[in-house]
N, C-alpha and C. Protein backbone atom coordinates (compact mmCIF):
# COMPACT_ATOMS: atom_id res chain seq x y z
N UNK A 1 0.86 -1.18 0.00
CA UNK A 1 0.00 0.00 0.00
C UNK A 1 0.89 1.23 0.00
N UNK A 2 0.56 2.20 -0.80
CA UNK A 2 1.34 3.43 -0.87
C UNK A 2 1.12 4.25 0.40
N UNK A 3 1.96 5.28 0.57
CA UNK A 3 1.94 6.05 1.81
C UNK A 3 0.64 6.83 2.01
N UNK A 4 0.01 7.29 0.94
CA UNK A 4 -1.19 8.11 1.09
C UNK A 4 -2.47 7.28 1.13
N UNK A 5 -2.35 5.97 1.30
CA UNK A 5 -3.52 5.13 1.41
C UNK A 5 -4.01 4.60 0.07
N UNK A 6 -3.32 4.95 -1.00
CA UNK A 6 -3.73 4.51 -2.33
C UNK A 6 -3.22 3.09 -2.58
N UNK A 7 -4.01 2.28 -3.21
CA UNK A 7 -3.59 0.93 -3.56
C UNK A 7 -2.83 0.98 -4.86
N UNK A 8 -1.71 0.29 -4.90
CA UNK A 8 -0.92 0.24 -6.11
C UNK A 8 -1.59 -0.70 -7.11
N UNK A 9 -1.35 -0.47 -8.41
CA UNK A 9 -1.97 -1.36 -9.41
C UNK A 9 -1.52 -2.81 -9.19
N UNK A 10 -2.46 -3.70 -9.29
CA UNK A 10 -2.17 -5.12 -9.11
C UNK A 10 -2.19 -5.57 -7.67
N UNK A 11 -2.30 -4.65 -6.72
CA UNK A 11 -2.32 -5.04 -5.32
C UNK A 11 -3.74 -5.37 -4.90
N UNK A 12 -3.91 -6.44 -4.16
CA UNK A 12 -5.24 -6.86 -3.71
C UNK A 12 -5.71 -5.91 -2.62
N UNK A 13 -6.92 -5.44 -2.78
CA UNK A 13 -7.48 -4.49 -1.82
C UNK A 13 -8.18 -5.20 -0.67
N UNK A 14 -8.00 -6.50 -0.54
CA UNK A 14 -8.68 -7.23 0.53
C UNK A 14 -10.13 -7.49 0.21
N UNK A 15 -10.44 -7.71 -1.07
CA UNK A 15 -11.82 -7.93 -1.49
C UNK A 15 -12.28 -9.29 -0.99
N UNK A 16 -13.44 -9.30 -0.36
CA UNK A 16 -14.03 -10.56 0.11
C UNK A 16 -15.05 -10.99 -0.93
N UNK A 17 -14.83 -12.15 -1.53
CA UNK A 17 -15.69 -12.65 -2.59
C UNK A 17 -16.84 -13.45 -2.01
N UNK A 18 -17.98 -13.44 -2.66
CA UNK A 18 -19.07 -14.32 -2.22
C UNK A 18 -18.68 -15.77 -2.51
N UNK A 19 -19.25 -16.69 -1.78
CA UNK A 19 -18.89 -18.10 -1.93
C UNK A 19 -19.32 -18.68 -3.28
N UNK A 20 -20.26 -18.04 -3.94
CA UNK A 20 -20.78 -18.61 -5.18
C UNK A 20 -19.74 -18.60 -6.31
N UNK A 21 -18.86 -17.61 -6.36
CA UNK A 21 -17.89 -17.53 -7.45
C UNK A 21 -16.87 -18.67 -7.35
N UNK A 22 -16.19 -18.89 -6.21
CA UNK A 22 -15.27 -20.03 -6.16
C UNK A 22 -15.98 -21.37 -6.28
N UNK A 23 -17.21 -21.46 -5.80
CA UNK A 23 -17.95 -22.71 -5.95
C UNK A 23 -18.25 -22.99 -7.41
N UNK A 24 -18.55 -21.96 -8.18
CA UNK A 24 -18.80 -22.16 -9.62
C UNK A 24 -17.54 -22.62 -10.33
N UNK A 25 -16.40 -22.04 -9.97
CA UNK A 25 -15.14 -22.44 -10.59
C UNK A 25 -14.81 -23.88 -10.21
N UNK A 26 -14.98 -24.23 -8.93
CA UNK A 26 -14.71 -25.61 -8.50
C UNK A 26 -15.68 -26.58 -9.16
N UNK A 27 -16.95 -26.20 -9.28
CA UNK A 27 -17.93 -27.05 -9.94
C UNK A 27 -17.61 -27.25 -11.41
N UNK A 28 -17.16 -26.18 -12.07
CA UNK A 28 -16.79 -26.31 -13.49
C UNK A 28 -15.59 -27.23 -13.65
N UNK A 29 -14.61 -27.11 -12.75
CA UNK A 29 -13.45 -28.00 -12.82
C UNK A 29 -13.85 -29.45 -12.59
N UNK A 30 -14.74 -29.69 -11.64
CA UNK A 30 -15.21 -31.05 -11.38
C UNK A 30 -15.99 -31.61 -12.57
N UNK A 31 -16.80 -30.76 -13.21
CA UNK A 31 -17.56 -31.21 -14.38
C UNK A 31 -16.63 -31.59 -15.53
N UNK A 32 -15.61 -30.78 -15.76
CA UNK A 32 -14.67 -31.08 -16.84
C UNK A 32 -13.90 -32.36 -16.53
N UNK A 33 -13.44 -32.50 -15.29
CA UNK A 33 -12.72 -33.71 -14.91
C UNK A 33 -13.62 -34.94 -14.99
N UNK A 34 -14.84 -34.82 -14.49
CA UNK A 34 -15.77 -35.95 -14.56
C UNK A 34 -16.12 -36.32 -15.98
N UNK A 35 -16.30 -35.33 -16.84
CA UNK A 35 -16.57 -35.61 -18.25
C UNK A 35 -15.41 -36.31 -18.92
N UNK A 36 -14.18 -35.89 -18.60
CA UNK A 36 -13.01 -36.54 -19.20
C UNK A 36 -12.88 -37.98 -18.74
N UNK A 37 -13.09 -38.23 -17.46
CA UNK A 37 -13.00 -39.60 -16.94
C UNK A 37 -14.07 -40.48 -17.57
N UNK A 38 -15.28 -39.99 -17.66
CA UNK A 38 -16.37 -40.78 -18.25
C UNK A 38 -16.15 -41.03 -19.73
N UNK A 39 -15.64 -40.04 -20.43
CA UNK A 39 -15.36 -40.23 -21.85
C UNK A 39 -14.30 -41.31 -22.05
N UNK A 40 -13.26 -41.25 -21.22
CA UNK A 40 -12.20 -42.27 -21.32
C UNK A 40 -12.74 -43.65 -20.98
N UNK A 41 -13.57 -43.74 -19.94
CA UNK A 41 -14.13 -45.02 -19.54
C UNK A 41 -15.05 -45.58 -20.62
N UNK A 42 -15.84 -44.71 -21.24
CA UNK A 42 -16.73 -45.17 -22.32
C UNK A 42 -15.94 -45.69 -23.51
N UNK A 43 -14.84 -45.05 -23.83
CA UNK A 43 -14.02 -45.51 -24.94
C UNK A 43 -13.33 -46.82 -24.61
N UNK A 44 -12.88 -46.96 -23.35
CA UNK A 44 -12.17 -48.17 -22.96
C UNK A 44 -13.12 -49.36 -22.84
N UNK A 45 -14.34 -49.12 -22.40
CA UNK A 45 -15.28 -50.22 -22.17
C UNK A 45 -16.40 -50.24 -23.20
N UNK A 46 -16.11 -49.86 -24.41
CA UNK A 46 -17.13 -49.72 -25.43
C UNK A 46 -17.84 -51.05 -25.71
N UNK A 47 -17.16 -52.15 -25.65
CA UNK A 47 -17.76 -53.43 -26.00
C UNK A 47 -18.43 -54.12 -24.83
N UNK A 48 -18.20 -53.68 -23.63
CA UNK A 48 -18.80 -54.31 -22.46
C UNK A 48 -20.21 -53.81 -22.24
N UNK A 49 -21.04 -54.65 -21.74
CA UNK A 49 -22.40 -54.26 -21.37
C UNK A 49 -22.59 -54.58 -19.89
N UNK A 50 -22.29 -53.67 -19.05
CA UNK A 50 -22.53 -53.87 -17.63
C UNK A 50 -23.14 -52.60 -17.05
N UNK A 51 -23.46 -52.63 -15.78
CA UNK A 51 -24.18 -51.54 -15.14
C UNK A 51 -23.36 -50.26 -15.10
N UNK A 52 -22.03 -50.37 -14.98
CA UNK A 52 -21.20 -49.18 -14.92
C UNK A 52 -21.23 -48.41 -16.24
N UNK A 53 -21.26 -49.14 -17.34
CA UNK A 53 -21.33 -48.49 -18.63
C UNK A 53 -22.64 -47.72 -18.80
N UNK A 54 -23.73 -48.30 -18.32
CA UNK A 54 -25.02 -47.61 -18.41
C UNK A 54 -25.04 -46.35 -17.54
N UNK A 55 -24.40 -46.42 -16.39
CA UNK A 55 -24.34 -45.24 -15.51
C UNK A 55 -23.46 -44.15 -16.13
N UNK A 56 -22.35 -44.56 -16.73
CA UNK A 56 -21.43 -43.58 -17.29
C UNK A 56 -21.99 -42.87 -18.52
N UNK A 57 -22.93 -43.48 -19.19
CA UNK A 57 -23.52 -42.82 -20.35
C UNK A 57 -24.24 -41.53 -19.95
N UNK A 58 -24.73 -41.47 -18.73
CA UNK A 58 -25.41 -40.25 -18.27
C UNK A 58 -24.42 -39.15 -17.93
N UNK A 59 -23.18 -39.54 -17.65
CA UNK A 59 -22.17 -38.56 -17.24
C UNK A 59 -21.23 -38.22 -18.38
N UNK A 60 -21.76 -37.94 -19.53
CA UNK A 60 -20.93 -37.62 -20.68
C UNK A 60 -20.53 -36.16 -20.66
N UNK A 61 -19.76 -35.77 -21.66
CA UNK A 61 -19.34 -34.38 -21.77
C UNK A 61 -20.52 -33.44 -21.84
N UNK A 62 -21.54 -33.83 -22.56
CA UNK A 62 -22.70 -32.95 -22.73
C UNK A 62 -23.39 -32.67 -21.40
N UNK A 63 -23.55 -33.70 -20.58
CA UNK A 63 -24.17 -33.50 -19.28
C UNK A 63 -23.27 -32.66 -18.37
N UNK A 64 -21.97 -32.93 -18.41
CA UNK A 64 -21.03 -32.13 -17.61
C UNK A 64 -21.06 -30.67 -18.05
N UNK A 65 -21.17 -30.46 -19.35
CA UNK A 65 -21.22 -29.10 -19.90
C UNK A 65 -22.49 -28.39 -19.45
N UNK A 66 -23.61 -29.11 -19.44
CA UNK A 66 -24.87 -28.50 -18.98
C UNK A 66 -24.80 -28.14 -17.51
N UNK A 67 -24.27 -29.03 -16.69
CA UNK A 67 -24.15 -28.75 -15.26
C UNK A 67 -23.25 -27.54 -15.04
N UNK A 68 -22.16 -27.48 -15.79
CA UNK A 68 -21.24 -26.35 -15.66
C UNK A 68 -21.93 -25.05 -16.08
N UNK A 69 -22.68 -25.08 -17.17
CA UNK A 69 -23.35 -23.87 -17.65
C UNK A 69 -24.39 -23.39 -16.63
N UNK A 70 -25.21 -24.30 -16.13
CA UNK A 70 -26.22 -23.90 -15.14
C UNK A 70 -25.58 -23.43 -13.84
N UNK A 71 -24.49 -24.07 -13.43
CA UNK A 71 -23.79 -23.62 -12.23
C UNK A 71 -23.22 -22.22 -12.40
N UNK A 72 -22.67 -21.93 -13.57
CA UNK A 72 -22.13 -20.59 -13.83
C UNK A 72 -23.24 -19.55 -13.88
N UNK A 73 -24.36 -19.90 -14.51
CA UNK A 73 -25.49 -18.96 -14.55
C UNK A 73 -26.01 -18.66 -13.15
N UNK A 74 -26.18 -19.72 -12.37
CA UNK A 74 -26.70 -19.54 -11.02
C UNK A 74 -25.74 -18.76 -10.13
N UNK A 75 -24.46 -19.10 -10.18
CA UNK A 75 -23.51 -18.38 -9.32
C UNK A 75 -23.32 -16.93 -9.79
N UNK A 76 -23.41 -16.69 -11.10
CA UNK A 76 -23.33 -15.32 -11.59
C UNK A 76 -24.50 -14.47 -11.10
N UNK A 77 -25.70 -15.04 -11.15
CA UNK A 77 -26.87 -14.31 -10.64
C UNK A 77 -26.78 -14.07 -9.14
N UNK A 78 -26.33 -15.07 -8.39
CA UNK A 78 -26.18 -14.90 -6.94
C UNK A 78 -25.13 -13.84 -6.65
N UNK A 79 -24.03 -13.86 -7.40
CA UNK A 79 -22.99 -12.86 -7.19
C UNK A 79 -23.45 -11.45 -7.52
N UNK A 80 -24.23 -11.30 -8.58
CA UNK A 80 -24.74 -9.98 -8.94
C UNK A 80 -25.70 -9.47 -7.87
N UNK A 81 -26.52 -10.36 -7.32
CA UNK A 81 -27.41 -9.94 -6.23
C UNK A 81 -26.61 -9.61 -4.97
N UNK A 82 -25.54 -10.37 -4.70
CA UNK A 82 -24.69 -10.07 -3.55
C UNK A 82 -24.00 -8.72 -3.73
N UNK A 83 -23.57 -8.43 -4.96
CA UNK A 83 -22.95 -7.13 -5.23
C UNK A 83 -23.95 -6.00 -5.04
N UNK A 84 -25.22 -6.24 -5.42
CA UNK A 84 -26.25 -5.21 -5.22
C UNK A 84 -26.42 -4.92 -3.73
N UNK A 85 -26.40 -5.96 -2.92
CA UNK A 85 -26.49 -5.76 -1.47
C UNK A 85 -25.30 -4.98 -0.94
N UNK A 86 -24.12 -5.26 -1.48
CA UNK A 86 -22.93 -4.53 -1.05
C UNK A 86 -22.98 -3.07 -1.50
N UNK A 87 -23.51 -2.83 -2.70
CA UNK A 87 -23.63 -1.45 -3.17
C UNK A 87 -24.59 -0.66 -2.29
N UNK A 88 -25.65 -1.32 -1.81
CA UNK A 88 -26.61 -0.62 -0.95
C UNK A 88 -25.98 -0.21 0.38
N UNK A 89 -25.02 -1.01 0.86
CA UNK A 89 -24.36 -0.71 2.13
C UNK A 89 -23.13 0.18 1.96
N UNK A 90 -22.67 0.35 0.72
CA UNK A 90 -21.41 1.06 0.47
C UNK A 90 -21.58 2.57 0.63
N UNK A 91 -20.46 3.23 0.83
CA UNK A 91 -20.42 4.68 0.85
C UNK A 91 -20.47 5.15 -0.60
N UNK A 92 -21.27 6.16 -0.86
CA UNK A 92 -21.48 6.60 -2.23
C UNK A 92 -20.65 7.82 -2.58
N UNK A 93 -19.58 8.07 -1.86
CA UNK A 93 -18.70 9.19 -2.16
C UNK A 93 -17.66 8.73 -3.20
N UNK A 94 -18.14 8.53 -4.42
CA UNK A 94 -17.29 8.01 -5.49
C UNK A 94 -17.42 8.91 -6.71
N UNK A 95 -16.48 8.81 -7.65
CA UNK A 95 -16.60 9.62 -8.88
C UNK A 95 -17.88 9.29 -9.64
N UNK A 96 -18.37 10.29 -10.33
CA UNK A 96 -19.65 10.15 -11.05
C UNK A 96 -19.59 9.08 -12.15
N UNK A 97 -18.43 8.88 -12.74
CA UNK A 97 -18.31 7.89 -13.80
C UNK A 97 -18.57 6.48 -13.25
N UNK A 98 -17.98 6.18 -12.09
CA UNK A 98 -18.21 4.87 -11.47
C UNK A 98 -19.67 4.70 -11.08
N UNK A 99 -20.23 5.75 -10.55
CA UNK A 99 -21.63 5.68 -10.13
C UNK A 99 -22.55 5.49 -11.33
N UNK A 100 -22.30 6.21 -12.41
CA UNK A 100 -23.17 6.09 -13.58
C UNK A 100 -23.02 4.72 -14.25
N UNK A 101 -21.81 4.17 -14.28
CA UNK A 101 -21.63 2.83 -14.85
C UNK A 101 -22.31 1.76 -14.00
N UNK A 102 -22.27 1.94 -12.69
CA UNK A 102 -22.93 0.98 -11.81
C UNK A 102 -24.44 1.02 -12.01
N UNK A 103 -25.00 2.23 -12.06
CA UNK A 103 -26.44 2.36 -12.27
C UNK A 103 -26.82 1.84 -13.66
N UNK A 104 -26.00 2.12 -14.66
CA UNK A 104 -26.28 1.62 -16.02
C UNK A 104 -26.23 0.10 -16.06
N UNK A 105 -25.27 -0.48 -15.35
CA UNK A 105 -25.16 -1.94 -15.34
C UNK A 105 -26.42 -2.58 -14.77
N UNK A 106 -26.84 -2.12 -13.60
CA UNK A 106 -28.03 -2.72 -12.99
C UNK A 106 -29.31 -2.34 -13.74
N UNK A 107 -29.34 -1.14 -14.33
CA UNK A 107 -30.51 -0.76 -15.12
C UNK A 107 -30.68 -1.66 -16.34
N UNK A 108 -29.57 -1.93 -17.04
CA UNK A 108 -29.65 -2.81 -18.20
C UNK A 108 -29.95 -4.25 -17.81
N UNK A 109 -29.40 -4.70 -16.68
CA UNK A 109 -29.68 -6.07 -16.23
C UNK A 109 -31.14 -6.24 -15.83
N UNK A 110 -31.78 -5.18 -15.34
CA UNK A 110 -33.21 -5.25 -15.01
C UNK A 110 -34.05 -5.11 -16.28
N UNK A 111 -33.58 -4.32 -17.23
CA UNK A 111 -34.33 -4.10 -18.46
C UNK A 111 -34.37 -5.34 -19.36
N UNK A 112 -33.34 -6.16 -19.33
CA UNK A 112 -33.27 -7.33 -20.23
C UNK A 112 -34.44 -8.29 -20.04
N UNK A 113 -34.78 -8.73 -18.81
CA UNK A 113 -35.93 -9.62 -18.69
C UNK A 113 -37.26 -8.95 -19.04
N UNK A 114 -37.34 -7.65 -18.80
CA UNK A 114 -38.57 -6.93 -19.17
C UNK A 114 -38.77 -6.92 -20.69
N UNK A 115 -37.68 -6.71 -21.42
CA UNK A 115 -37.76 -6.76 -22.87
C UNK A 115 -38.09 -8.16 -23.37
N UNK A 116 -37.52 -9.17 -22.71
CA UNK A 116 -37.83 -10.55 -23.10
C UNK A 116 -39.30 -10.87 -22.85
N UNK A 117 -39.83 -10.39 -21.74
CA UNK A 117 -41.26 -10.61 -21.45
C UNK A 117 -42.14 -9.89 -22.46
N UNK A 118 -41.73 -8.69 -22.85
CA UNK A 118 -42.50 -7.97 -23.88
C UNK A 118 -42.44 -8.71 -25.21
N UNK A 119 -41.31 -9.33 -25.51
CA UNK A 119 -41.20 -10.12 -26.73
C UNK A 119 -42.12 -11.32 -26.71
N UNK A 120 -42.31 -11.91 -25.53
CA UNK A 120 -43.24 -13.05 -25.43
C UNK A 120 -44.68 -12.59 -25.64
N UNK A 121 -45.00 -11.39 -25.20
CA UNK A 121 -46.35 -10.85 -25.41
C UNK A 121 -46.62 -10.63 -26.90
N UNK A 122 -45.60 -10.26 -27.65
CA UNK A 122 -45.73 -9.96 -29.07
C UNK A 122 -45.34 -11.15 -29.95
N UNK A 123 -45.49 -12.35 -29.45
CA UNK A 123 -45.09 -13.53 -30.19
C UNK A 123 -45.89 -13.70 -31.48
N UNK A 124 -47.11 -13.17 -31.53
CA UNK A 124 -47.95 -13.28 -32.73
C UNK A 124 -47.38 -12.46 -33.90
N UNK A 125 -46.60 -11.43 -33.58
CA UNK A 125 -45.98 -10.61 -34.62
C UNK A 125 -44.49 -10.99 -34.66
N UNK A 126 -44.07 -11.78 -35.62
CA UNK A 126 -42.70 -12.33 -35.61
C UNK A 126 -41.61 -11.27 -35.62
N UNK A 127 -41.80 -10.18 -36.38
CA UNK A 127 -40.75 -9.15 -36.42
C UNK A 127 -40.61 -8.45 -35.08
N UNK A 128 -41.72 -8.17 -34.42
CA UNK A 128 -41.65 -7.53 -33.10
C UNK A 128 -41.04 -8.48 -32.08
N UNK A 129 -41.43 -9.74 -32.14
CA UNK A 129 -40.88 -10.75 -31.23
C UNK A 129 -39.36 -10.84 -31.39
N UNK A 130 -38.90 -10.89 -32.63
CA UNK A 130 -37.46 -10.97 -32.89
C UNK A 130 -36.74 -9.70 -32.43
N UNK A 131 -37.36 -8.54 -32.66
CA UNK A 131 -36.76 -7.28 -32.22
C UNK A 131 -36.64 -7.18 -30.71
N UNK A 132 -37.67 -7.61 -29.98
CA UNK A 132 -37.60 -7.58 -28.51
C UNK A 132 -36.54 -8.56 -28.00
N UNK A 133 -36.45 -9.74 -28.61
CA UNK A 133 -35.43 -10.71 -28.20
C UNK A 133 -34.03 -10.14 -28.42
N UNK A 134 -33.83 -9.51 -29.56
CA UNK A 134 -32.52 -8.93 -29.86
C UNK A 134 -32.19 -7.80 -28.89
N UNK A 135 -33.17 -6.95 -28.60
CA UNK A 135 -32.96 -5.85 -27.64
C UNK A 135 -32.68 -6.39 -26.25
N UNK A 136 -33.33 -7.48 -25.88
CA UNK A 136 -33.10 -8.10 -24.58
C UNK A 136 -31.67 -8.62 -24.48
N UNK A 137 -31.21 -9.29 -25.53
CA UNK A 137 -29.83 -9.80 -25.52
C UNK A 137 -28.83 -8.65 -25.46
N UNK A 138 -29.09 -7.59 -26.21
CA UNK A 138 -28.19 -6.44 -26.19
C UNK A 138 -28.16 -5.77 -24.82
N UNK A 139 -29.31 -5.66 -24.17
CA UNK A 139 -29.35 -5.05 -22.84
C UNK A 139 -28.60 -5.91 -21.82
N UNK A 140 -28.76 -7.22 -21.92
CA UNK A 140 -28.07 -8.11 -20.99
C UNK A 140 -26.56 -8.02 -21.17
N UNK A 141 -26.10 -8.10 -22.41
CA UNK A 141 -24.67 -8.01 -22.67
C UNK A 141 -24.12 -6.63 -22.31
N UNK A 142 -24.90 -5.59 -22.54
CA UNK A 142 -24.47 -4.24 -22.15
C UNK A 142 -24.36 -4.10 -20.64
N UNK A 143 -25.30 -4.68 -19.91
CA UNK A 143 -25.23 -4.64 -18.45
C UNK A 143 -24.03 -5.38 -17.91
N UNK A 144 -23.74 -6.54 -18.49
CA UNK A 144 -22.57 -7.30 -18.06
C UNK A 144 -21.27 -6.57 -18.41
N UNK A 145 -21.24 -5.96 -19.58
CA UNK A 145 -20.04 -5.20 -19.96
C UNK A 145 -19.84 -3.99 -19.05
N UNK A 146 -20.91 -3.31 -18.70
CA UNK A 146 -20.80 -2.17 -17.78
C UNK A 146 -20.33 -2.64 -16.40
N UNK A 147 -20.79 -3.81 -15.97
CA UNK A 147 -20.34 -4.35 -14.69
C UNK A 147 -18.85 -4.64 -14.69
N UNK A 148 -18.35 -5.18 -15.79
CA UNK A 148 -16.92 -5.44 -15.87
C UNK A 148 -16.12 -4.15 -16.04
N UNK A 149 -16.71 -3.15 -16.67
CA UNK A 149 -16.04 -1.86 -16.82
C UNK A 149 -15.87 -1.18 -15.47
N UNK A 150 -16.87 -1.28 -14.61
CA UNK A 150 -16.76 -0.70 -13.27
C UNK A 150 -15.61 -1.36 -12.50
N UNK A 151 -15.52 -2.67 -12.61
CA UNK A 151 -14.45 -3.41 -11.94
C UNK A 151 -13.09 -2.98 -12.47
N UNK A 152 -12.97 -2.87 -13.79
CA UNK A 152 -11.69 -2.48 -14.39
C UNK A 152 -11.31 -1.06 -14.00
N UNK A 153 -12.27 -0.15 -13.96
CA UNK A 153 -11.96 1.23 -13.61
C UNK A 153 -11.54 1.36 -12.15
N UNK A 154 -12.15 0.56 -11.27
CA UNK A 154 -11.77 0.62 -9.86
C UNK A 154 -10.34 0.11 -9.64
N UNK A 155 -9.91 -0.85 -10.46
CA UNK A 155 -8.59 -1.42 -10.26
C UNK A 155 -7.51 -0.81 -11.14
N UNK A 156 -7.88 -0.36 -12.33
CA UNK A 156 -6.87 0.13 -13.27
C UNK A 156 -7.01 1.60 -13.60
N UNK A 157 -8.06 2.23 -13.11
CA UNK A 157 -8.31 3.62 -13.44
C UNK A 157 -7.33 4.57 -12.78
N UNK A 158 -7.60 5.83 -12.94
CA UNK A 158 -6.74 6.86 -12.38
C UNK A 158 -6.82 6.94 -10.86
N UNK A 159 -6.18 7.95 -10.34
CA UNK A 159 -6.08 8.14 -8.89
C UNK A 159 -7.46 8.23 -8.23
N UNK A 160 -8.40 8.93 -8.85
CA UNK A 160 -9.73 9.10 -8.27
C UNK A 160 -10.48 7.78 -8.16
N UNK A 161 -10.32 6.93 -9.16
CA UNK A 161 -11.07 5.67 -9.18
C UNK A 161 -10.50 4.66 -8.19
N UNK A 162 -9.17 4.60 -8.11
CA UNK A 162 -8.55 3.63 -7.18
C UNK A 162 -8.73 4.02 -5.73
N UNK A 163 -9.02 5.29 -5.48
CA UNK A 163 -9.21 5.74 -4.10
C UNK A 163 -10.68 5.77 -3.70
N UNK A 164 -11.52 5.07 -4.42
CA UNK A 164 -12.92 4.93 -4.01
C UNK A 164 -12.95 4.18 -2.68
N UNK A 165 -13.98 4.36 -1.88
CA UNK A 165 -14.05 3.65 -0.60
C UNK A 165 -13.93 2.13 -0.79
N UNK A 166 -13.34 1.47 0.19
CA UNK A 166 -13.06 0.04 0.08
C UNK A 166 -14.33 -0.77 -0.11
N UNK A 167 -15.42 -0.41 0.59
CA UNK A 167 -16.65 -1.20 0.44
C UNK A 167 -17.22 -1.06 -0.97
N UNK A 168 -17.07 0.12 -1.58
CA UNK A 168 -17.53 0.29 -2.96
C UNK A 168 -16.64 -0.50 -3.92
N UNK A 169 -15.32 -0.52 -3.66
CA UNK A 169 -14.41 -1.29 -4.51
C UNK A 169 -14.69 -2.78 -4.38
N UNK A 170 -15.02 -3.24 -3.17
CA UNK A 170 -15.37 -4.66 -3.00
C UNK A 170 -16.62 -5.00 -3.81
N UNK A 171 -17.61 -4.12 -3.76
CA UNK A 171 -18.84 -4.37 -4.52
C UNK A 171 -18.55 -4.36 -6.01
N UNK A 172 -17.67 -3.48 -6.48
CA UNK A 172 -17.29 -3.46 -7.89
C UNK A 172 -16.57 -4.74 -8.28
N UNK A 173 -15.72 -5.24 -7.40
CA UNK A 173 -15.03 -6.50 -7.68
C UNK A 173 -15.99 -7.66 -7.80
N UNK A 174 -16.94 -7.73 -6.89
CA UNK A 174 -17.93 -8.81 -6.94
C UNK A 174 -18.80 -8.68 -8.18
N UNK A 175 -19.21 -7.45 -8.53
CA UNK A 175 -20.02 -7.24 -9.72
C UNK A 175 -19.27 -7.64 -10.99
N UNK A 176 -18.00 -7.25 -11.09
CA UNK A 176 -17.21 -7.59 -12.27
C UNK A 176 -16.99 -9.08 -12.41
N UNK A 177 -16.64 -9.75 -11.31
CA UNK A 177 -16.40 -11.19 -11.36
C UNK A 177 -17.70 -11.95 -11.66
N UNK A 178 -18.78 -11.53 -11.04
CA UNK A 178 -20.06 -12.21 -11.26
C UNK A 178 -20.56 -11.98 -12.68
N UNK A 179 -20.31 -10.80 -13.22
CA UNK A 179 -20.69 -10.54 -14.61
C UNK A 179 -19.91 -11.45 -15.55
N UNK A 180 -18.64 -11.64 -15.27
CA UNK A 180 -17.84 -12.54 -16.10
C UNK A 180 -18.30 -13.99 -16.01
N UNK A 181 -18.61 -14.44 -14.80
CA UNK A 181 -19.09 -15.81 -14.63
C UNK A 181 -20.43 -15.99 -15.32
N UNK A 182 -21.32 -15.02 -15.18
CA UNK A 182 -22.62 -15.10 -15.85
C UNK A 182 -22.47 -15.08 -17.36
N UNK A 183 -21.54 -14.30 -17.86
CA UNK A 183 -21.30 -14.25 -19.30
C UNK A 183 -20.77 -15.59 -19.80
N UNK A 184 -19.87 -16.22 -19.05
CA UNK A 184 -19.39 -17.55 -19.44
C UNK A 184 -20.51 -18.58 -19.38
N UNK A 185 -21.38 -18.47 -18.40
CA UNK A 185 -22.53 -19.37 -18.32
C UNK A 185 -23.47 -19.21 -19.50
N UNK A 186 -23.70 -17.95 -19.92
CA UNK A 186 -24.54 -17.70 -21.08
C UNK A 186 -23.91 -18.26 -22.36
N UNK A 187 -22.59 -18.10 -22.47
CA UNK A 187 -21.91 -18.64 -23.64
C UNK A 187 -21.99 -20.17 -23.66
N UNK A 188 -21.80 -20.79 -22.50
CA UNK A 188 -21.88 -22.24 -22.42
C UNK A 188 -23.29 -22.74 -22.71
N UNK A 189 -24.28 -22.03 -22.22
CA UNK A 189 -25.67 -22.42 -22.50
C UNK A 189 -25.99 -22.27 -23.98
N UNK A 190 -25.47 -21.24 -24.61
CA UNK A 190 -25.69 -21.04 -26.04
C UNK A 190 -25.00 -22.13 -26.84
N UNK A 191 -23.79 -22.50 -26.45
CA UNK A 191 -23.07 -23.55 -27.17
C UNK A 191 -23.76 -24.90 -26.98
N UNK A 192 -24.35 -25.14 -25.82
CA UNK A 192 -25.04 -26.38 -25.58
C UNK A 192 -26.33 -26.47 -26.41
N UNK A 193 -26.96 -25.32 -26.65
CA UNK A 193 -28.20 -25.31 -27.41
C UNK A 193 -28.01 -25.53 -28.90
N UNK A 194 -26.80 -25.37 -29.39
CA UNK A 194 -26.57 -25.54 -30.83
C UNK A 194 -26.28 -26.96 -31.21
């Protein structure tokens, strides 16, 4: 820590992470390892017909991928809600840019499901339905990008941004990490659907 209380770039500010983020990473690692073991076992025992082979068919890469995607989605949502709770308790004496990006992030994340619901209401009109779905996806990705931008600005920004109160920086860290995990979960869910 520098003499004036400023955190140096790359130095950990003592951010306390919610348990959902490391659990999602550990769950993803277990899913990948389990999928690899089951794939190897299925290849080795391809000609055998026993109970273990039938059990291992359920634990294929595709199932491991689905579990990993749902775990990432769930932990990302839990982390974003935990960050919202931390923002409510944080001191708001921060630069306006950080504050506006935080509000934009949560505003877009709330707007995305509303647009998706409006698209479901307009399902009879295919062009409107497609437009609402596209706007919903754009709002969700914009909210996640704004969440990661807040995290990057708190850690890599200028003197004003790095000297934001510690509780606000912790909330920014949780928001940025949870946005990344949720984005990976969305990507994995999209890849599984194709």
